[in-house]
Amino acid sequence: MAKQLWKPGNMLYPLPVVMVSLRGADGRNNIITIGWTGTVCSDPPMVSISVRPERFSFKQLMDTREFVINLTTRNLAWATDYCGVKSGRDVDKFKVLNLTPIDGVKTGAPMIAESPVNIECRVTQVLPLGTHHMFLAEVAAVHADEKYMDADGKFRLEKADPIVYSHGTYLTTGESLGTFGYSVRKNKKKR
C-alpha cells in the first residue's frame, strides 16, 4: 500500500460544522461558523470551539464569555457557509438569512430556532494556541427540537439530516452502520 508523506496539518476529517451564535456586550447578535469544535468532557459536560483573534466574534466572545453551539443540517447548509465567509462587522446574519434568534435560557446568547439542537455554553478558560484561541466551555443547557423525538421519546437527530465538513466540503452524514457496542453484542445485529 503506497502512501504519500505530507507536511503536518489538520487531517482529522470529517468533523462537525456548527453555527455559533453569540451576543456582544453592545447587545448585537452574531453568528460564526466553526469547524474546530468538539466534546471535551462528559462530567461536567464541556465543549470547545476555536476562533481566530482577528474575527469579529472573537471580541464578542472575550467580552461576554457565552455562546450557543447550533447544530447544522442540510436545510441550514447555505446559511452555515454564509456565516463562515461573511463578517458580523458588516452584516446582521440573523436578518439577512431569515434566521430566528431565541433568547437563551441559561446564558445571554441567542439560539438559532431553525437548528435541531442548541447548546448553551459558558466559557471557563481561553487557551491561546497559535492561529486560534480555544474557548473551553461548560454546557449550561441543551435544547432539542421536539419534532425529532420518536414515539418512544428517543431523540432522532438523523431525521434532521445533519451535515459535517471535510476538506472544504459540506457533506450529509449518510446511513447508519451500527450502534455503540454492536460489534460485541450476542446477536451481532448491525443496527
C-alpha atoms as a PDB file:
ATOM      1  CA  MET A   1       0.000   0.000   0.000  1.00  0.00           C
ATOM      2  CA  ALA A   2       1.556   3.293  -1.116  1.00  0.00           C
ATOM      3  CA  LYS A   3       1.008   6.417   0.966  1.00  0.00           C
ATOM      4  CA  GLN A   4       2.202   9.958   0.386  1.00  0.00           C
ATOM      5  CA  LEU A   5       4.004  11.781   3.174  1.00  0.00           C
ATOM      6  CA  TRP A   6       2.530  15.244   3.739  1.00  0.00           C
ATOM      7  CA  LYS A   7       3.635  18.078   5.979  1.00  0.00           C
ATOM      8  CA  PRO A   8       1.981  18.170   9.416  1.00  0.00           C
ATOM      9  CA  GLY A   9      -1.561  19.503   9.240  1.00  0.00           C
ATOM     10  CA  ASN A  10      -5.090  19.067  10.478  1.00  0.00           C
ATOM     11  CA  MET A  11      -6.408  15.934   8.799  1.00  0.00           C
ATOM     12  CA  LEU A  12      -8.994  14.911  11.366  1.00  0.00           C
ATOM     13  CA  TYR A  13     -11.954  14.833   8.973  1.00  0.00           C
ATOM     14  CA  PRO A  14     -14.906  14.785   8.688  1.00  0.00           C
ATOM     15  CA  LEU A  15     -15.794  16.963  11.610  1.00  0.00           C
ATOM     16  CA  PRO A  16     -18.867  18.727  12.907  1.00  0.00           C
ATOM     17  CA  VAL A  17     -19.585  22.098  11.372  1.00  0.00           C
ATOM     18  CA  VAL A  18     -21.690  24.296  13.637  1.00  0.00           C
ATOM     19  CA  MET A  19     -23.084  27.782  13.746  1.00  0.00           C
ATOM     20  CA  VAL A  20     -22.079  29.509  16.964  1.00  0.00           C
ATOM     21  CA  SER A  21     -24.396  32.316  17.968  1.00  0.00           C
ATOM     22  CA  LEU A  22     -23.451  34.997  20.429  1.00  0.00           C
ATOM     23  CA  ARG A  23     -24.414  38.425  21.638  1.00  0.00           C
ATOM     24  CA  GLY A  24     -21.821  41.118  22.139  1.00  0.00           C
ATOM     25  CA  ALA A  25     -21.618  43.374  25.179  1.00  0.00           C
ATOM     26  CA  ASP A  26     -23.344  46.002  22.990  1.00  0.00           C
ATOM     27  CA  GLY A  27     -26.362  43.678  22.561  1.00  0.00           C
ATOM     28  CA  ARG A  28     -25.576  42.916  18.921  1.00  0.00           C
ATOM     29  CA  ASN A  29     -26.311  39.326  17.825  1.00  0.00           C
ATOM     30  CA  ASN A  30     -23.900  37.466  15.587  1.00  0.00           C
ATOM     31  CA  ILE A  31     -23.288  34.019  14.108  1.00  0.00           C
ATOM     32  CA  ILE A  32     -19.948  32.466  13.194  1.00  0.00           C
ATOM     33  CA  THR A  33     -19.423  29.117  11.507  1.00  0.00           C
ATOM     34  CA  ILE A  34     -16.960  26.919  13.380  1.00  0.00           C
ATOM     35  CA  GLY A  35     -15.296  23.749  12.175  1.00  0.00           C
ATOM     36  CA  TRP A  36     -12.871  23.466  15.092  1.00  0.00           C
ATOM     37  CA  THR A  37     -15.281  22.297  17.778  1.00  0.00           C
ATOM     38  CA  GLY A  38     -15.715  19.258  19.926  1.00  0.00           C
ATOM     39  CA  THR A  39     -16.602  17.452  23.103  1.00  0.00           C
ATOM     40  CA  VAL A  40     -14.058  17.920  25.885  1.00  0.00           C
ATOM     41  CA  CYS A  41     -15.555  16.264  28.972  1.00  0.00           C
ATOM     42  CA  SER A  42     -18.752  14.481  29.979  1.00  0.00           C
ATOM     43  CA  ASP A  43     -18.816  15.334  33.700  1.00  0.00           C
ATOM     44  CA  PRO A  44     -19.026  18.258  33.891  1.00  0.00           C
ATOM     45  CA  PRO A  45     -20.302  18.479  30.329  1.00  0.00           C
ATOM     46  CA  MET A  46     -17.802  20.618  28.407  1.00  0.00           C
ATOM     47  CA  VAL A  47     -17.147  21.551  24.793  1.00  0.00           C
ATOM     48  CA  SER A  48     -14.623  23.653  22.925  1.00  0.00           C
ATOM     49  CA  ILE A  49     -14.580  25.998  19.960  1.00  0.00           C
ATOM     50  CA  SER A  50     -11.521  27.581  18.382  1.00  0.00           C
ATOM     51  CA  VAL A  51     -11.625  31.092  16.910  1.00  0.00           C
ATOM     52  CA  ARG A  52      -9.028  33.321  15.274  1.00  0.00           C
ATOM     53  CA  PRO A  53      -8.383  36.525  17.276  1.00  0.00           C
ATOM     54  CA  GLU A  54      -8.945  38.734  14.208  1.00  0.00           C
ATOM     55  CA  ARG A  55     -12.548  37.564  13.815  1.00  0.00           C
ATOM     56  CA  PHE A  56     -15.336  39.939  14.821  1.00  0.00           C
ATOM     57  CA  SER A  57     -16.816  37.190  17.008  1.00  0.00           C
ATOM     58  CA  PHE A  58     -13.595  36.867  18.997  1.00  0.00           C
ATOM     59  CA  LYS A  59     -14.091  40.192  20.823  1.00  0.00           C
ATOM     60  CA  GLN A  60     -17.737  39.335  21.496  1.00  0.00           C
ATOM     61  CA  LEU A  61     -16.661  36.002  22.995  1.00  0.00           C
ATOM     62  CA  MET A  62     -13.977  37.625  25.107  1.00  0.00           C
ATOM     63  CA  ASP A  63     -16.405  40.286  26.371  1.00  0.00           C
ATOM     64  CA  THR A  64     -19.369  38.069  27.271  1.00  0.00           C
ATOM     65  CA  ARG A  65     -17.789  34.608  27.597  1.00  0.00           C
ATOM     66  CA  GLU A  66     -21.062  32.982  26.491  1.00  0.00           C
ATOM     67  CA  PHE A  67     -22.159  31.353  23.236  1.00  0.00           C
ATOM     68  CA  VAL A  68     -24.531  28.786  21.770  1.00  0.00           C
ATOM     69  CA  ILE A  69     -23.471  25.894  19.547  1.00  0.00           C
ATOM     70  CA  ASN A  70     -26.243  25.308  16.987  1.00  0.00           C
ATOM     71  CA  LEU A  71     -26.088  22.009  15.096  1.00  0.00           C
ATOM     72  CA  THR A  72     -26.407  22.313  11.332  1.00  0.00           C
ATOM     73  CA  THR A  73     -28.483  20.414   8.792  1.00  0.00           C
ATOM     74  CA  ARG A  74     -28.950  20.076   5.062  1.00  0.00           C
ATOM     75  CA  ASN A  75     -31.567  22.867   5.268  1.00  0.00           C
ATOM     76  CA  LEU A  76     -29.050  25.115   7.053  1.00  0.00           C
ATOM     77  CA  ALA A  77     -26.074  24.347   4.771  1.00  0.00           C
ATOM     78  CA  TRP A  78     -26.282  27.597   2.787  1.00  0.00           C
ATOM     79  CA  ALA A  79     -26.604  29.657   5.991  1.00  0.00           C
ATOM     80  CA  THR A  80     -23.741  27.691   7.540  1.00  0.00           C
ATOM     81  CA  ASP A  81     -21.447  28.564   4.653  1.00  0.00           C
ATOM     82  CA  TYR A  82     -22.605  32.207   4.565  1.00  0.00           C
ATOM     83  CA  CYS A  83     -21.896  32.670   8.284  1.00  0.00           C
ATOM     84  CA  GLY A  84     -18.383  31.368   7.692  1.00  0.00           C
ATOM     85  CA  VAL A  85     -17.499  33.820   4.928  1.00  0.00           C
ATOM     86  CA  LYS A  86     -19.378  36.999   5.890  1.00  0.00           C
ATOM     87  CA  SER A  87     -18.349  39.105   8.866  1.00  0.00           C
ATOM     88  CA  GLY A  88     -20.740  40.231  11.570  1.00  0.00           C
ATOM     89  CA  ARG A  89     -18.935  43.584  11.372  1.00  0.00           C
ATOM     90  CA  ASP A  90     -20.664  44.177   8.047  1.00  0.00           C
ATOM     91  CA  VAL A  91     -23.953  42.307   8.134  1.00  0.00           C
ATOM     92  CA  ASP A  92     -26.687  41.181  10.535  1.00  0.00           C
ATOM     93  CA  LYS A  93     -26.609  37.467   9.676  1.00  0.00           C
ATOM     94  CA  PHE A  94     -29.851  36.652  11.503  1.00  0.00           C
ATOM     95  CA  LYS A  95     -31.673  39.255   9.414  1.00  0.00           C
ATOM     96  CA  VAL A  96     -30.051  38.512   6.053  1.00  0.00           C
ATOM     97  CA  LEU A  97     -30.597  34.744   6.422  1.00  0.00           C
ATOM     98  CA  ASN A  98     -34.098  34.979   7.934  1.00  0.00           C
ATOM     99  CA  LEU A  99     -32.935  33.018  10.965  1.00  0.00           C
ATOM    100  CA  THR A 100     -34.894  33.360  14.184  1.00  0.00           C
ATOM    101  CA  PRO A 101     -32.973  34.354  17.321  1.00  0.00           C
ATOM    102  CA  ILE A 102     -34.384  32.947  20.559  1.00  0.00           C
ATOM    103  CA  ASP A 103     -33.028  34.165  23.883  1.00  0.00           C
ATOM    104  CA  GLY A 104     -31.020  31.576  25.734  1.00  0.00           C
ATOM    105  CA  VAL A 105     -32.457  30.274  28.999  1.00  0.00           C
ATOM    106  CA  LYS A 106     -29.174  29.963  30.910  1.00  0.00           C
ATOM    107  CA  THR A 107     -26.978  32.441  29.002  1.00  0.00           C
ATOM    108  CA  GLY A 108     -27.311  35.829  27.387  1.00  0.00           C
ATOM    109  CA  ALA A 109     -26.511  34.380  23.950  1.00  0.00           C
ATOM    110  CA  PRO A 110     -29.221  33.835  21.324  1.00  0.00           C
ATOM    111  CA  MET A 111     -30.104  30.412  19.952  1.00  0.00           C
ATOM    112  CA  ILE A 112     -30.999  29.742  16.307  1.00  0.00           C
ATOM    113  CA  ALA A 113     -34.600  28.469  16.287  1.00  0.00           C
ATOM    114  CA  GLU A 114     -34.123  26.604  12.996  1.00  0.00           C
ATOM    115  CA  SER A 115     -31.342  24.418  14.437  1.00  0.00           C
ATOM    116  CA  PRO A 116     -32.388  20.982  15.777  1.00  0.00           C
ATOM    117  CA  VAL A 117     -30.067  21.266  18.791  1.00  0.00           C
ATOM    118  CA  ASN A 118     -28.830  24.346  20.652  1.00  0.00           C
ATOM    119  CA  ILE A 119     -26.119  24.006  23.291  1.00  0.00           C
ATOM    120  CA  GLU A 120     -25.797  26.978  25.639  1.00  0.00           C
ATOM    121  CA  CYS A 121     -22.232  27.412  26.871  1.00  0.00           C
ATOM    122  CA  ARG A 122     -20.226  29.472  29.365  1.00  0.00           C
ATOM    123  CA  VAL A 123     -16.503  29.915  28.777  1.00  0.00           C
ATOM    124  CA  THR A 124     -14.320  28.630  31.604  1.00  0.00           C
ATOM    125  CA  GLN A 125     -10.915  29.060  30.008  1.00  0.00           C
ATOM    126  CA  VAL A 126      -9.330  30.593  26.896  1.00  0.00           C
ATOM    127  CA  LEU A 127      -6.170  28.976  25.562  1.00  0.00           C
ATOM    128  CA  PRO A 128      -4.068  30.906  23.021  1.00  0.00           C
ATOM    129  CA  LEU A 129      -2.702  28.167  20.752  1.00  0.00           C
ATOM    130  CA  GLY A 130      -1.302  29.932  17.677  1.00  0.00           C
ATOM    131  CA  THR A 131      -3.582  30.920  14.814  1.00  0.00           C
ATOM    132  CA  HIS A 132      -6.612  30.141  17.006  1.00  0.00           C
ATOM    133  CA  HIS A 133      -7.631  30.558  20.629  1.00  0.00           C
ATOM    134  CA  MET A 134      -9.533  27.635  22.106  1.00  0.00           C
ATOM    135  CA  PHE A 135     -12.548  28.520  24.226  1.00  0.00           C
ATOM    136  CA  LEU A 136     -13.234  25.751  26.737  1.00  0.00           C
ATOM    137  CA  ALA A 137     -16.800  25.990  27.947  1.00  0.00           C
ATOM    138  CA  GLU A 138     -19.156  24.287  30.321  1.00  0.00           C
ATOM    139  CA  VAL A 139     -22.529  23.314  28.876  1.00  0.00           C
ATOM    140  CA  ALA A 140     -25.221  25.295  30.700  1.00  0.00           C
ATOM    141  CA  ALA A 141     -28.246  23.849  28.836  1.00  0.00           C
ATOM    142  CA  VAL A 142     -29.196  21.751  25.812  1.00  0.00           C
ATOM    143  CA  HIS A 143     -32.337  22.390  23.768  1.00  0.00           C
ATOM    144  CA  ALA A 144     -33.627  19.679  21.389  1.00  0.00           C
ATOM    145  CA  ASP A 145     -36.375  20.248  18.826  1.00  0.00           C
ATOM    146  CA  GLU A 146     -39.382  18.102  19.742  1.00  0.00           C
ATOM    147  CA  LYS A 147     -40.137  17.324  16.099  1.00  0.00           C
ATOM    148  CA  TYR A 148     -37.162  14.923  16.115  1.00  0.00           C
ATOM    149  CA  MET A 149     -38.440  12.878  19.081  1.00  0.00           C
ATOM    150  CA  ASP A 150     -39.844   9.455  18.214  1.00  0.00           C
ATOM    151  CA  ALA A 151     -42.820   7.708  19.863  1.00  0.00           C
ATOM    152  CA  ASP A 152     -40.502   6.185  22.487  1.00  0.00           C
ATOM    153  CA  GLY A 153     -39.112   9.588  23.469  1.00  0.00           C
ATOM    154  CA  LYS A 154     -35.758   8.998  21.749  1.00  0.00           C
ATOM    155  CA  PHE A 155     -34.170  11.963  20.009  1.00  0.00           C
ATOM    156  CA  ARG A 156     -33.556  11.149  16.312  1.00  0.00           C
ATOM    157  CA  LEU A 157     -31.024  13.717  15.086  1.00  0.00           C
ATOM    158  CA  GLU A 158     -30.554  11.738  11.859  1.00  0.00           C
ATOM    159  CA  LYS A 159     -34.083  12.820  10.844  1.00  0.00           C
ATOM    160  CA  ALA A 160     -32.813  16.426  10.750  1.00  0.00           C
ATOM    161  CA  ASP A 161     -30.221  15.424   8.093  1.00  0.00           C
ATOM    162  CA  PRO A 162     -27.134  16.800   9.897  1.00  0.00           C
ATOM    163  CA  ILE A 163     -24.060  17.879   7.971  1.00  0.00           C
ATOM    164  CA  VAL A 164     -20.307  17.617   8.521  1.00  0.00           C
ATOM    165  CA  TYR A 165     -17.283  19.339   6.978  1.00  0.00           C
ATOM    166  CA  SER A 166     -14.378  17.644   5.192  1.00  0.00           C
ATOM    167  CA  HIS A 167     -11.556  19.341   3.278  1.00  0.00           C
ATOM    168  CA  GLY A 168     -13.635  22.381   2.279  1.00  0.00           C
ATOM    169  CA  THR A 169     -16.808  20.409   1.504  1.00  0.00           C
ATOM    170  CA  TYR A 170     -20.085  20.091   3.403  1.00  0.00           C
ATOM    171  CA  LEU A 171     -21.457  16.534   3.484  1.00  0.00           C
ATOM    172  CA  THR A 172     -24.545  14.848   4.877  1.00  0.00           C
ATOM    173  CA  THR A 173     -23.880  12.130   7.430  1.00  0.00           C
ATOM    174  CA  GLY A 174     -25.220   9.177   5.439  1.00  0.00           C
ATOM    175  CA  GLU A 175     -26.584   5.858   6.592  1.00  0.00           C
ATOM    176  CA  SER A 176     -26.203   4.186   9.968  1.00  0.00           C
ATOM    177  CA  LEU A 177     -23.569   1.458  10.075  1.00  0.00           C
ATOM    178  CA  GLY A 178     -24.227   0.310  13.616  1.00  0.00           C
ATOM    179  CA  THR A 179     -24.847   1.495  17.148  1.00  0.00           C
ATOM    180  CA  PHE A 180     -22.371   1.738  20.012  1.00  0.00           C
ATOM    181  CA  GLY A 181     -21.361  -1.737  21.148  1.00  0.00           C
ATOM    182  CA  TYR A 182     -22.892  -3.613  18.196  1.00  0.00           C
ATOM    183  CA  SER A 183     -19.588  -5.392  17.490  1.00  0.00           C
ATOM    184  CA  VAL A 184     -19.714  -7.256  20.809  1.00  0.00           C
ATOM    185  CA  ARG A 185     -23.443  -7.904  21.233  1.00  0.00           C
ATOM    186  CA  LYS A 186     -24.510 -11.536  21.387  1.00  0.00           C
ATOM    187  CA  ASN A 187     -26.954 -11.265  18.479  1.00  0.00           C
ATOM    188  CA  LYS A 188     -24.429  -9.235  16.421  1.00  0.00           C
ATOM    189  CA  LYS A 189     -27.097  -7.070  14.808  1.00  0.00           C
ATOM    190  CA  LYS A 190     -25.550  -4.290  12.763  1.00  0.00           C
ATOM    191  CA  ARG A 191     -28.210  -1.734  13.635  1.00  0.00           C
END
